[in-house]
């Protein structure tokens, strides 16, 4: 069979002598198993070896393990291996490249030599991935270029995820979820993770995306902005404030600026100037009318005074004439 049965990447460290430990279920014929260079592999060969009369474990053409009636007759690698008849597992420590190859299990039902069962498995030894280097760069519009590389490791495979989910093509400008080099779109945000794995190990490295925000508004100096900005400028266009109140904001450590975001705000200075002009006009008109009325009253008063004096003088003359006539009499 071509399928890998029960390969578990445990990544358990058992000191510097064992390293990475892997497990493989070899109870089916043709199983492919993997072991880490310098580590340990645990091979499941059968369910219960205690009920089997005899069996032998052959590596390529050399018999390395022979048992009969639960007694180990020979084990050529006993210094770095062990066998457990109760669960049928064979453990090999301190793996080297030479341990890779084909292993054959021959099981005999009785001492007649009848071959009851024969199974093979293929063991491949790989160097585990030791570390991952993730290099990223934020571009001018907020896109992120990211490159992932690994140290050590045979046949490394790369995988990109964002927030625990595989990156999709709609989130990428270049590359794919299995490329070493990718470019992420500016509207993609979250924790970007590069995983490097092979059949015996997996190592991850994470990085936050650039986090650019698209801002669109008009500044107090009339400048209209519509672009992607880094997180430090996220307050450049503030949230709407109560009508009639202009927000004062501070961008980074620069002096505060005022944002005008509507045509109503732009019309306020013109309305204010118009009201002031109307008030001044009314005041001047009132003053003019007041003094015109005052002047007219003065003229009327002067005319009245002259008339009274004239009549008084005439009356005086008449009275004098009457008095003269009387004296003559």
C-alpha atoms as a PDB file:
ATOM      1  CA  UNK A   1       0.000   0.000   0.000  1.00  0.00           C
ATOM      2  CA  UNK A   2       1.081   3.550  -0.697  1.00  0.00           C
ATOM      3  CA  UNK A   3      -0.686   5.234   2.206  1.00  0.00           C
ATOM      4  CA  UNK A   4       1.004   6.316   5.398  1.00  0.00           C
ATOM      5  CA  UNK A   5      -0.810   4.583   8.239  1.00  0.00           C
ATOM      6  CA  UNK A   6      -0.956   6.232  11.629  1.00  0.00           C
ATOM      7  CA  UNK A   7       2.025   8.590  11.255  1.00  0.00           C
ATOM      8  CA  UNK A   8       2.000  10.772  14.380  1.00  0.00           C
ATOM      9  CA  UNK A   9       4.450  13.656  14.657  1.00  0.00           C
ATOM     10  CA  UNK A  10       4.775  13.667  18.424  1.00  0.00           C
ATOM     11  CA  UNK A  11       7.842  15.908  18.563  1.00  0.00           C
ATOM     12  CA  UNK A  12       8.696  14.577  21.998  1.00  0.00           C
ATOM     13  CA  UNK A  13      12.230  15.268  23.152  1.00  0.00           C
ATOM     14  CA  UNK A  14      13.860  12.477  25.127  1.00  0.00           C
ATOM     15  CA  UNK A  15      17.242  14.060  25.743  1.00  0.00           C
ATOM     16  CA  UNK A  16      19.964  14.719  23.197  1.00  0.00           C
ATOM     17  CA  UNK A  17      20.408  11.009  22.407  1.00  0.00           C
ATOM     18  CA  UNK A  18      16.838  10.374  21.195  1.00  0.00           C
ATOM     19  CA  UNK A  19      15.621  13.665  19.737  1.00  0.00           C
ATOM     20  CA  UNK A  20      12.324  13.564  17.835  1.00  0.00           C
ATOM     21  CA  UNK A  21      10.103  10.493  18.296  1.00  0.00           C
ATOM     22  CA  UNK A  22       7.685   9.312  15.609  1.00  0.00           C
ATOM     23  CA  UNK A  23       5.159   6.490  15.503  1.00  0.00           C
ATOM     24  CA  UNK A  24       4.065   4.319  12.572  1.00  0.00           C
ATOM     25  CA  UNK A  25       1.421   1.609  12.340  1.00  0.00           C
ATOM     26  CA  UNK A  26       2.977  -1.090  10.189  1.00  0.00           C
ATOM     27  CA  UNK A  27       0.285  -3.767  10.547  1.00  0.00           C
ATOM     28  CA  UNK A  28      -0.724  -3.322   6.907  1.00  0.00           C
ATOM     29  CA  UNK A  29       1.434  -4.471   4.051  1.00  0.00           C
ATOM     30  CA  UNK A  30       3.304  -1.755   2.128  1.00  0.00           C
ATOM     31  CA  UNK A  31       3.090   0.925   4.795  1.00  0.00           C
ATOM     32  CA  UNK A  32       5.421   3.938   4.489  1.00  0.00           C
ATOM     33  CA  UNK A  33       6.995   5.061   7.745  1.00  0.00           C
ATOM     34  CA  UNK A  34       9.275   7.962   8.639  1.00  0.00           C
ATOM     35  CA  UNK A  35      11.906   8.433  11.299  1.00  0.00           C
ATOM     36  CA  UNK A  36      13.840  11.541  12.345  1.00  0.00           C
ATOM     37  CA  UNK A  37      17.594  11.566  11.950  1.00  0.00           C
ATOM     38  CA  UNK A  38      19.062  11.117  15.434  1.00  0.00           C
ATOM     39  CA  UNK A  39      15.619  10.412  16.861  1.00  0.00           C
ATOM     40  CA  UNK A  40      13.400   7.423  17.653  1.00  0.00           C
ATOM     41  CA  UNK A  41      10.806   5.525  15.663  1.00  0.00           C
ATOM     42  CA  UNK A  42       8.185   3.219  17.207  1.00  0.00           C
ATOM     43  CA  UNK A  43       6.855   0.621  14.746  1.00  0.00           C
ATOM     44  CA  UNK A  44       3.635  -1.271  15.467  1.00  0.00           C
ATOM     45  CA  UNK A  45       4.175  -4.716  13.861  1.00  0.00           C
ATOM     46  CA  UNK A  46       1.268  -6.787  15.246  1.00  0.00           C
ATOM     47  CA  UNK A  47      -1.540  -6.775  17.807  1.00  0.00           C
ATOM     48  CA  UNK A  48      -0.193  -9.357  20.277  1.00  0.00           C
ATOM     49  CA  UNK A  49       3.067 -11.184  19.630  1.00  0.00           C
ATOM     50  CA  UNK A  50       2.691 -13.394  22.731  1.00  0.00           C
ATOM     51  CA  UNK A  51       0.290 -15.765  20.897  1.00  0.00           C
ATOM     52  CA  UNK A  52       2.555 -16.271  17.866  1.00  0.00           C
ATOM     53  CA  UNK A  53       4.839 -19.299  17.721  1.00  0.00           C
ATOM     54  CA  UNK A  54       7.765 -17.606  15.988  1.00  0.00           C
ATOM     55  CA  UNK A  55       8.555 -14.618  13.784  1.00  0.00           C
ATOM     56  CA  UNK A  56      11.520 -12.729  12.444  1.00  0.00           C
ATOM     57  CA  UNK A  57      12.160  -9.130  11.485  1.00  0.00           C
ATOM     58  CA  UNK A  58      14.302  -8.672   8.380  1.00  0.00           C
ATOM     59  CA  UNK A  59      16.011  -5.458   7.244  1.00  0.00           C
ATOM     60  CA  UNK A  60      16.663  -5.627   3.492  1.00  0.00           C
ATOM     61  CA  UNK A  61      18.239  -9.129   3.470  1.00  0.00           C
ATOM     62  CA  UNK A  62      19.549  -9.281   7.050  1.00  0.00           C
ATOM     63  CA  UNK A  63      17.524 -10.810   9.891  1.00  0.00           C
ATOM     64  CA  UNK A  64      17.925  -8.363  12.802  1.00  0.00           C
ATOM     65  CA  UNK A  65      15.334  -9.822  15.191  1.00  0.00           C
ATOM     66  CA  UNK A  66      14.222 -13.437  15.777  1.00  0.00           C
ATOM     67  CA  UNK A  67      11.749 -14.675  18.412  1.00  0.00           C
ATOM     68  CA  UNK A  68      10.171 -18.025  19.369  1.00  0.00           C
ATOM     69  CA  UNK A  69       7.655 -18.680  22.123  1.00  0.00           C
ATOM     70  CA  UNK A  70       8.098 -15.102  23.352  1.00  0.00           C
ATOM     71  CA  UNK A  71      11.842 -15.634  23.695  1.00  0.00           C
ATOM     72  CA  UNK A  72      14.216 -13.328  21.832  1.00  0.00           C
ATOM     73  CA  UNK A  73      16.715 -15.548  20.043  1.00  0.00           C
ATOM     74  CA  UNK A  74      18.699 -12.731  18.447  1.00  0.00           C
ATOM     75  CA  UNK A  75      18.669  -8.949  18.045  1.00  0.00           C
ATOM     76  CA  UNK A  76      21.485  -7.425  16.029  1.00  0.00           C
ATOM     77  CA  UNK A  77      20.705  -3.861  17.177  1.00  0.00           C
ATOM     78  CA  UNK A  78      19.740  -4.589  20.788  1.00  0.00           C
ATOM     79  CA  UNK A  79      21.903  -1.709  22.098  1.00  0.00           C
ATOM     80  CA  UNK A  80      19.603   0.850  20.539  1.00  0.00           C
ATOM     81  CA  UNK A  81      16.344  -1.059  20.120  1.00  0.00           C
ATOM     82  CA  UNK A  82      13.690  -2.877  22.139  1.00  0.00           C
ATOM     83  CA  UNK A  83      10.691  -5.110  21.404  1.00  0.00           C
ATOM     84  CA  UNK A  84       7.448  -5.403  23.400  1.00  0.00           C
ATOM     85  CA  UNK A  85       5.617  -8.696  22.641  1.00  0.00           C
ATOM     86  CA  UNK A  86       2.490  -7.632  24.554  1.00  0.00           C
ATOM     87  CA  UNK A  87       1.635  -4.877  22.050  1.00  0.00           C
ATOM     88  CA  UNK A  88       3.893  -5.901  19.164  1.00  0.00           C
ATOM     89  CA  UNK A  89       5.933  -2.664  18.968  1.00  0.00           C
ATOM     90  CA  UNK A  90       9.554  -2.431  17.888  1.00  0.00           C
ATOM     91  CA  UNK A  91      11.446   0.676  18.995  1.00  0.00           C
ATOM     92  CA  UNK A  92      14.642   1.903  17.290  1.00  0.00           C
ATOM     93  CA  UNK A  93      16.649   4.749  18.848  1.00  0.00           C
ATOM     94  CA  UNK A  94      19.424   6.991  17.537  1.00  0.00           C
ATOM     95  CA  UNK A  95      18.350   6.633  13.935  1.00  0.00           C
ATOM     96  CA  UNK A  96      20.870   7.093  11.132  1.00  0.00           C
ATOM     97  CA  UNK A  97      20.563   7.289   7.359  1.00  0.00           C
ATOM     98  CA  UNK A  98      21.559   3.612   7.202  1.00  0.00           C
ATOM     99  CA  UNK A  99      18.361   2.629   9.035  1.00  0.00           C
ATOM    100  CA  UNK A 100      16.275   3.637   6.047  1.00  0.00           C
ATOM    101  CA  UNK A 101      15.091   0.829   3.761  1.00  0.00           C
ATOM    102  CA  UNK A 102      12.639  -2.063   3.497  1.00  0.00           C
ATOM    103  CA  UNK A 103      11.674  -4.111   6.544  1.00  0.00           C
ATOM    104  CA  UNK A 104       9.916  -7.497   6.305  1.00  0.00           C
ATOM    105  CA  UNK A 105       8.007  -9.332   9.022  1.00  0.00           C
ATOM    106  CA  UNK A 106       7.673 -13.132   8.632  1.00  0.00           C
ATOM    107  CA  UNK A 107       5.245 -14.860  11.009  1.00  0.00           C
ATOM    108  CA  UNK A 108       5.071 -18.678  11.501  1.00  0.00           C
ATOM    109  CA  UNK A 109       2.098 -20.414  13.025  1.00  0.00           C
ATOM    110  CA  UNK A 110       3.925 -23.553  14.238  1.00  0.00           C
ATOM    111  CA  UNK A 111       7.292 -25.296  14.025  1.00  0.00           C
ATOM    112  CA  UNK A 112       6.470 -26.882  10.704  1.00  0.00           C
ATOM    113  CA  UNK A 113       7.982 -23.906   8.965  1.00  0.00           C
ATOM    114  CA  UNK A 114       4.767 -22.971   7.205  1.00  0.00           C
ATOM    115  CA  UNK A 115       4.852 -19.305   6.273  1.00  0.00           C
ATOM    116  CA  UNK A 116       1.686 -17.971   7.804  1.00  0.00           C
ATOM    117  CA  UNK A 117       2.061 -14.253   7.018  1.00  0.00           C
ATOM    118  CA  UNK A 118       4.497 -11.850   5.410  1.00  0.00           C
ATOM    119  CA  UNK A 119       4.346  -8.046   5.481  1.00  0.00           C
ATOM    120  CA  UNK A 120       6.731  -5.264   4.407  1.00  0.00           C
ATOM    121  CA  UNK A 121       7.107  -1.604   5.295  1.00  0.00           C
ATOM    122  CA  UNK A 122       9.355   1.154   3.959  1.00  0.00           C
ATOM    123  CA  UNK A 123      11.220   3.288   6.510  1.00  0.00           C
ATOM    124  CA  UNK A 124      12.542   6.698   5.388  1.00  0.00           C
ATOM    125  CA  UNK A 125      14.908   8.727   7.563  1.00  0.00           C
ATOM    126  CA  UNK A 126      14.637  12.517   7.368  1.00  0.00           C
ATOM    127  CA  UNK A 127      16.479  15.361   9.056  1.00  0.00           C
ATOM    128  CA  UNK A 128      13.916  17.407  11.022  1.00  0.00           C
ATOM    129  CA  UNK A 129      13.407  21.118  10.463  1.00  0.00           C
ATOM    130  CA  UNK A 130      15.357  22.980  13.143  1.00  0.00           C
ATOM    131  CA  UNK A 131      14.182  26.592  12.771  1.00  0.00           C
ATOM    132  CA  UNK A 132      12.222  28.984  10.562  1.00  0.00           C
ATOM    133  CA  UNK A 133      13.185  32.486   9.412  1.00  0.00           C
ATOM    134  CA  UNK A 134      10.283  34.788   8.481  1.00  0.00           C
ATOM    135  CA  UNK A 135      11.227  38.115   6.854  1.00  0.00           C
ATOM    136  CA  UNK A 136       8.531  40.675   6.002  1.00  0.00           C
ATOM    137  CA  UNK A 137       8.307  44.177   4.524  1.00  0.00           C
ATOM    138  CA  UNK A 138       5.403  46.655   4.494  1.00  0.00           C
ATOM    139  CA  UNK A 139       5.014  48.349   1.099  1.00  0.00           C
ATOM    140  CA  UNK A 140       3.829  51.928   0.555  1.00  0.00           C
ATOM    141  CA  UNK A 141       0.162  51.023   0.064  1.00  0.00           C
ATOM    142  CA  UNK A 142       0.029  48.577   2.982  1.00  0.00           C
ATOM    143  CA  UNK A 143       0.772  45.350   1.144  1.00  0.00           C
ATOM    144  CA  UNK A 144       3.128  42.927   2.901  1.00  0.00           C
ATOM    145  CA  UNK A 145       5.912  41.009   1.216  1.00  0.00           C
ATOM    146  CA  UNK A 146       6.883  37.943   3.249  1.00  0.00           C
ATOM    147  CA  UNK A 147       9.574  35.327   2.764  1.00  0.00           C
ATOM    148  CA  UNK A 148       9.881  32.071   4.688  1.00  0.00           C
ATOM    149  CA  UNK A 149      12.960  29.856   4.885  1.00  0.00           C
ATOM    150  CA  UNK A 150      14.145  26.998   7.085  1.00  0.00           C
ATOM    151  CA  UNK A 151      17.343  25.615   8.502  1.00  0.00           C
ATOM    152  CA  UNK A 152      17.964  21.922   8.110  1.00  0.00           C
ATOM    153  CA  UNK A 153      15.178  19.539   7.265  1.00  0.00           C
ATOM    154  CA  UNK A 154      14.819  17.169   4.337  1.00  0.00           C
ATOM    155  CA  UNK A 155      12.075  17.886   1.776  1.00  0.00           C
ATOM    156  CA  UNK A 156      10.590  20.942   3.570  1.00  0.00           C
ATOM    157  CA  UNK A 157       7.028  21.934   2.723  1.00  0.00           C
ATOM    158  CA  UNK A 158       5.691  25.456   3.315  1.00  0.00           C
ATOM    159  CA  UNK A 159       2.212  26.529   4.343  1.00  0.00           C
ATOM    160  CA  UNK A 160       0.820  30.004   5.077  1.00  0.00           C
ATOM    161  CA  UNK A 161      -2.138  30.648   7.365  1.00  0.00           C
ATOM    162  CA  UNK A 162      -3.895  33.766   8.638  1.00  0.00           C
ATOM    163  CA  UNK A 163      -5.692  33.515  11.966  1.00  0.00           C
ATOM    164  CA  UNK A 164      -5.481  29.724  11.802  1.00  0.00           C
ATOM    165  CA  UNK A 165      -6.943  29.463   8.283  1.00  0.00           C
ATOM    166  CA  UNK A 166      -5.111  28.777   5.040  1.00  0.00           C
ATOM    167  CA  UNK A 167      -4.490  31.901   2.945  1.00  0.00           C
ATOM    168  CA  UNK A 168      -6.729  32.109  -0.110  1.00  0.00           C
ATOM    169  CA  UNK A 169      -5.837  33.491  -3.523  1.00  0.00           C
ATOM    170  CA  UNK A 170      -8.221  36.420  -2.972  1.00  0.00           C
ATOM    171  CA  UNK A 171      -6.006  37.536  -0.072  1.00  0.00           C
ATOM    172  CA  UNK A 172      -2.786  37.391  -2.091  1.00  0.00           C
ATOM    173  CA  UNK A 173      -1.253  39.593  -4.775  1.00  0.00           C
ATOM    174  CA  UNK A 174       1.432  37.018  -5.587  1.00  0.00           C
ATOM    175  CA  UNK A 175       2.357  33.479  -4.602  1.00  0.00           C
ATOM    176  CA  UNK A 176       0.082  30.900  -3.007  1.00  0.00           C
ATOM    177  CA  UNK A 177      -0.426  29.261   0.365  1.00  0.00           C
ATOM    178  CA  UNK A 178       2.468  26.833  -0.286  1.00  0.00           C
ATOM    179  CA  UNK A 179       5.027  29.307  -1.700  1.00  0.00           C
ATOM    180  CA  UNK A 180       8.152  30.456   0.091  1.00  0.00           C
ATOM    181  CA  UNK A 181       7.556  34.061  -1.015  1.00  0.00           C
ATOM    182  CA  UNK A 182       4.153  35.779  -0.981  1.00  0.00           C
ATOM    183  CA  UNK A 183       2.634  39.280  -1.135  1.00  0.00           C
ATOM    184  CA  UNK A 184      -0.478  39.876   0.988  1.00  0.00           C
ATOM    185  CA  UNK A 185      -3.085  42.497   0.050  1.00  0.00           C
ATOM    186  CA  UNK A 186      -3.384  45.687   2.116  1.00  0.00           C
ATOM    187  CA  UNK A 187      -6.869  44.926   3.438  1.00  0.00           C
ATOM    188  CA  UNK A 188      -5.703  41.629   4.980  1.00  0.00           C
ATOM    189  CA  UNK A 189      -4.966  41.913   8.712  1.00  0.00           C
ATOM    190  CA  UNK A 190      -4.155  39.507  11.521  1.00  0.00           C
ATOM    191  CA  UNK A 191      -1.471  37.044  12.535  1.00  0.00           C
ATOM    192  CA  UNK A 192       0.347  35.619   9.536  1.00  0.00           C
ATOM    193  CA  UNK A 193       1.983  32.226  10.196  1.00  0.00           C
ATOM    194  CA  UNK A 194       4.506  30.337   8.098  1.00  0.00           C
ATOM    195  CA  UNK A 195       4.745  26.609   8.855  1.00  0.00           C
ATOM    196  CA  UNK A 196       7.645  24.513   7.581  1.00  0.00           C
ATOM    197  CA  UNK A 197       7.196  20.771   7.842  1.00  0.00           C
ATOM    198  CA  UNK A 198       8.331  17.447   6.577  1.00  0.00           C
ATOM    199  CA  UNK A 199       7.270  13.933   7.550  1.00  0.00           C
ATOM    200  CA  UNK A 200       9.044  14.035  10.926  1.00  0.00           C
ATOM    201  CA  UNK A 201       8.763  17.661  12.123  1.00  0.00           C
ATOM    202  CA  UNK A 202       6.907  20.947  11.883  1.00  0.00           C
ATOM    203  CA  UNK A 203       8.121  24.420  12.957  1.00  0.00           C
ATOM    204  CA  UNK A 204       6.133  27.671  12.839  1.00  0.00           C
ATOM    205  CA  UNK A 205       6.919  31.373  12.784  1.00  0.00           C
ATOM    206  CA  UNK A 206       4.341  34.147  13.067  1.00  0.00           C
ATOM    207  CA  UNK A 207       4.172  37.861  12.226  1.00  0.00           C
ATOM    208  CA  UNK A 208       1.472  40.535  12.289  1.00  0.00           C
ATOM    209  CA  UNK A 209       0.380  41.996   8.964  1.00  0.00           C
ATOM    210  CA  UNK A 210       0.977  45.692   8.226  1.00  0.00           C
ATOM    211  CA  UNK A 211      -2.470  46.724   9.495  1.00  0.00           C
ATOM    212  CA  UNK A 212      -2.950  49.661   7.105  1.00  0.00           C
ATOM    213  CA  UNK A 213      -6.330  51.452   7.146  1.00  0.00           C
ATOM    214  CA  UNK A 214      -8.084  53.165   4.239  1.00  0.00           C
ATOM    215  CA  UNK A 215      -8.839  56.802   5.166  1.00  0.00           C
ATOM    216  CA  UNK A 216     -10.998  59.266   3.228  1.00  0.00           C
ATOM    217  CA  UNK A 217     -11.727  62.820   4.423  1.00  0.00           C
ATOM    218  CA  UNK A 218     -10.938  66.532   3.897  1.00  0.00           C
ATOM    219  CA  UNK A 219      -8.476  68.317   6.180  1.00  0.00           C
ATOM    220  CA  UNK A 220      -8.988  71.848   7.518  1.00  0.00           C
ATOM    221  CA  UNK A 221      -6.527  73.238   4.975  1.00  0.00           C
ATOM    222  CA  UNK A 222      -8.719  71.870   2.171  1.00  0.00           C
ATOM    223  CA  UNK A 223      -6.553  68.820   1.424  1.00  0.00           C
ATOM    224  CA  UNK A 224      -8.587  65.806   0.399  1.00  0.00           C
ATOM    225  CA  UNK A 225      -7.101  62.434   1.358  1.00  0.00           C
ATOM    226  CA  UNK A 226      -8.144  59.044   0.027  1.00  0.00           C
ATOM    227  CA  UNK A 227      -5.444  56.440   0.602  1.00  0.00           C
ATOM    228  CA  UNK A 228      -4.044  53.637   2.782  1.00  0.00           C
ATOM    229  CA  UNK A 229      -2.238  54.744   5.952  1.00  0.00           C
ATOM    230  CA  UNK A 230      -0.248  52.861   8.641  1.00  0.00           C
ATOM    231  CA  UNK A 231      -1.742  52.350  12.129  1.00  0.00           C
ATOM    232  CA  UNK A 232      -0.087  55.537  13.496  1.00  0.00           C
ATOM    233  CA  UNK A 233      -2.440  57.610  11.300  1.00  0.00           C
ATOM    234  CA  UNK A 234      -5.686  55.837  12.123  1.00  0.00           C
ATOM    235  CA  UNK A 235      -7.017  58.986  13.886  1.00  0.00           C
ATOM    236  CA  UNK A 236      -6.375  61.226  10.883  1.00  0.00           C
ATOM    237  CA  UNK A 237     -10.056  60.997   9.977  1.00  0.00           C
ATOM    238  CA  UNK A 238     -11.920  60.906  13.332  1.00  0.00           C
ATOM    239  CA  UNK A 239     -15.319  59.464  14.021  1.00  0.00           C
ATOM    240  CA  UNK A 240     -18.298  61.820  13.409  1.00  0.00           C
ATOM    241  CA  UNK A 241     -18.865  64.324  16.228  1.00  0.00           C
ATOM    242  CA  UNK A 242     -22.084  66.118  17.350  1.00  0.00           C
ATOM    243  CA  UNK A 243     -23.345  68.636  14.770  1.00  0.00           C
ATOM    244  CA  UNK A 244     -21.840  72.091  15.116  1.00  0.00           C
ATOM    245  CA  UNK A 245     -18.741  70.928  16.956  1.00  0.00           C
ATOM    246  CA  UNK A 246     -15.448  70.564  15.159  1.00  0.00           C
ATOM    247  CA  UNK A 247     -13.073  67.913  16.560  1.00  0.00           C
ATOM    248  CA  UNK A 248      -9.521  68.732  17.525  1.00  0.00           C
ATOM    249  CA  UNK A 249      -7.229  65.789  16.832  1.00  0.00           C
ATOM    250  CA  UNK A 250      -3.574  65.019  17.125  1.00  0.00           C
ATOM    251  CA  UNK A 251      -1.754  62.959  14.503  1.00  0.00           C
ATOM    252  CA  UNK A 252       1.282  61.156  15.964  1.00  0.00           C
ATOM    253  CA  UNK A 253       3.231  63.840  17.877  1.00  0.00           C
ATOM    254  CA  UNK A 254       2.386  66.673  15.504  1.00  0.00           C
ATOM    255  CA  UNK A 255       0.333  69.774  16.480  1.00  0.00           C
ATOM    256  CA  UNK A 256      -3.405  69.286  16.459  1.00  0.00           C
ATOM    257  CA  UNK A 257      -5.335  70.049  13.305  1.00  0.00           C
ATOM    258  CA  UNK A 258      -9.030  70.556  12.608  1.00  0.00           C
ATOM    259  CA  UNK A 259     -10.971  68.428  10.148  1.00  0.00           C
ATOM    260  CA  UNK A 260     -13.856  69.872   8.094  1.00  0.00           C
ATOM    261  CA  UNK A 261     -15.836  67.028   6.683  1.00  0.00           C
ATOM    262  CA  UNK A 262     -19.074  68.629   5.330  1.00  0.00           C
ATOM    263  CA  UNK A 263     -20.334  71.553   3.177  1.00  0.00           C
ATOM    264  CA  UNK A 264     -22.311  72.884   6.189  1.00  0.00           C
ATOM    265  CA  UNK A 265     -19.083  73.496   8.087  1.00  0.00           C
ATOM    266  CA  UNK A 266     -17.561  75.323   5.098  1.00  0.00           C
ATOM    267  CA  UNK A 267     -20.647  77.673   4.891  1.00  0.00           C
ATOM    268  CA  UNK A 268     -20.444  78.802   8.534  1.00  0.00           C
ATOM    269  CA  UNK A 269     -17.792  81.561   7.968  1.00  0.00           C
ATOM    270  CA  UNK A 270     -19.870  83.108   5.100  1.00  0.00           C
ATOM    271  CA  UNK A 271     -23.036  83.078   7.209  1.00  0.00           C
ATOM    272  CA  UNK A 272     -21.202  84.682  10.109  1.00  0.00           C
ATOM    273  CA  UNK A 273     -19.819  87.485   7.921  1.00  0.00           C
ATOM    274  CA  UNK A 274     -23.270  88.114   6.413  1.00  0.00           C
ATOM    275  CA  UNK A 275     -24.855  88.471   9.834  1.00  0.00           C
ATOM    276  CA  UNK A 276     -22.180  90.905  10.955  1.00  0.00           C
ATOM    277  CA  UNK A 277     -22.692  93.065   7.832  1.00  0.00           C
ATOM    278  CA  UNK A 278     -26.462  93.127   8.370  1.00  0.00           C
ATOM    279  CA  UNK A 279     -26.061  94.230  12.005  1.00  0.00           C
ATOM    280  CA  UNK A 280     -23.648  97.034  11.049  1.00  0.00           C
ATOM    281  CA  UNK A 281     -26.027  98.196   8.286  1.00  0.00           C
ATOM    282  CA  UNK A 282     -28.972  98.328  10.696  1.00  0.00           C
ATOM    283  CA  UNK A 283     -26.941 100.250  13.266  1.00  0.00           C
ATOM    284  CA  UNK A 284     -25.779 102.823  10.708  1.00  0.00           C
ATOM    285  CA  UNK A 285     -29.315 103.191   9.320  1.00  0.00           C
ATOM    286  CA  UNK A 286     -30.661 103.773  12.822  1.00  0.00           C
ATOM    287  CA  UNK A 287     -28.060 106.455  13.516  1.00  0.00           C
ATOM    288  CA  UNK A 288     -28.815 108.185  10.223  1.00  0.00           C
ATOM    289  CA  UNK A 289     -32.572 108.212  10.872  1.00  0.00           C
ATOM    290  CA  UNK A 290     -32.046 109.467  14.423  1.00  0.00           C
ATOM    291  CA  UNK A 291     -29.970 112.466  13.385  1.00  0.00           C
ATOM    292  CA  UNK A 292     -32.286 113.278  10.442  1.00  0.00           C
ATOM    293  CA  UNK A 293     -35.269 113.406  12.771  1.00  0.00           C
ATOM    294  CA  UNK A 294     -33.318 115.501  15.244  1.00  0.00           C
ATOM    295  CA  UNK A 295     -32.413 118.031  12.592  1.00  0.00           C
ATOM    296  CA  UNK A 296     -36.002 118.271  11.404  1.00  0.00           C
ATOM    297  CA  UNK A 297     -37.240 118.963  14.959  1.00  0.00           C
ATOM    298  CA  UNK A 298     -34.697 121.763  15.379  1.00  0.00           C
ATOM    299  CA  UNK A 299     -35.870 123.478  12.208  1.00  0.00           C
ATOM    300  CA  UNK A 300     -39.485 123.334  13.358  1.00  0.00           C
ATOM    301  CA  UNK A 301     -38.567 124.804  16.734  1.00  0.00           C
ATOM    302  CA  UNK A 302     -36.713 127.758  15.165  1.00  0.00           C
ATOM    303  CA  UNK A 303     -39.675 128.592  12.897  1.00  0.00           C
ATOM    304  CA  UNK A 304     -42.093 128.607  15.790  1.00  0.00           C
ATOM    305  CA  UNK A 305     -39.919 130.985  17.862  1.00  0.00           C
ATOM    306  CA  UNK A 306     -39.699 133.667  15.108  1.00  0.00           C
ATOM    307  CA  UNK A 307     -43.474 133.716  14.635  1.00  0.00           C
ATOM    308  CA  UNK A 308     -44.159 134.315  18.313  1.00  0.00           C
ATOM    309  CA  UNK A 309     -41.727 137.229  18.476  1.00  0.00           C
ATOM    310  CA  UNK A 310     -43.246 138.901  15.420  1.00  0.00           C
ATOM    311  CA  UNK A 311     -46.731 138.663  16.742  1.00  0.00           C
ATOM    312  CA  UNK A 312     -45.579 140.016  20.077  1.00  0.00           C
ATOM    313  CA  UNK A 313     -43.949 142.969  18.422  1.00  0.00           C
ATOM    314  CA  UNK A 314     -47.025 143.750  16.355  1.00  0.00           C
ATOM    315  CA  UNK A 315     -49.191 143.522  19.398  1.00  0.00           C
ATOM    316  CA  UNK A 316     -46.865 145.905  21.199  1.00  0.00           C
ATOM    317  CA  UNK A 317     -47.174 148.460  18.426  1.00  0.00           C
ATOM    318  CA  UNK A 318     -50.955 148.277  18.516  1.00  0.00           C
ATOM    319  CA  UNK A 319     -50.976 148.664  22.228  1.00  0.00           C
ATOM    320  CA  UNK A 320     -48.719 151.694  22.032  1.00  0.00           C
ATOM    321  CA  UNK A 321     -50.917 153.296  19.455  1.00  0.00           C
ATOM    322  CA  UNK A 322     -53.997 152.720  21.556  1.00  0.00           C
ATOM    323  CA  UNK A 323     -52.347 154.208  24.570  1.00  0.00           C
ATOM    324  CA  UNK A 324     -51.360 157.311  22.614  1.00  0.00           C
ATOM    325  CA  UNK A 325     -54.894 157.885  21.442  1.00  0.00           C
ATOM    326  CA  UNK A 326     -56.210 157.559  24.926  1.00  0.00           C
ATOM    327  CA  UNK A 327     -53.871 160.187  26.295  1.00  0.00           C
ATOM    328  CA  UNK A 328     -54.925 162.605  23.746  1.00  0.00           C
ATOM    329  CA  UNK A 329     -58.426 162.294  24.768  1.00  0.00           C
END
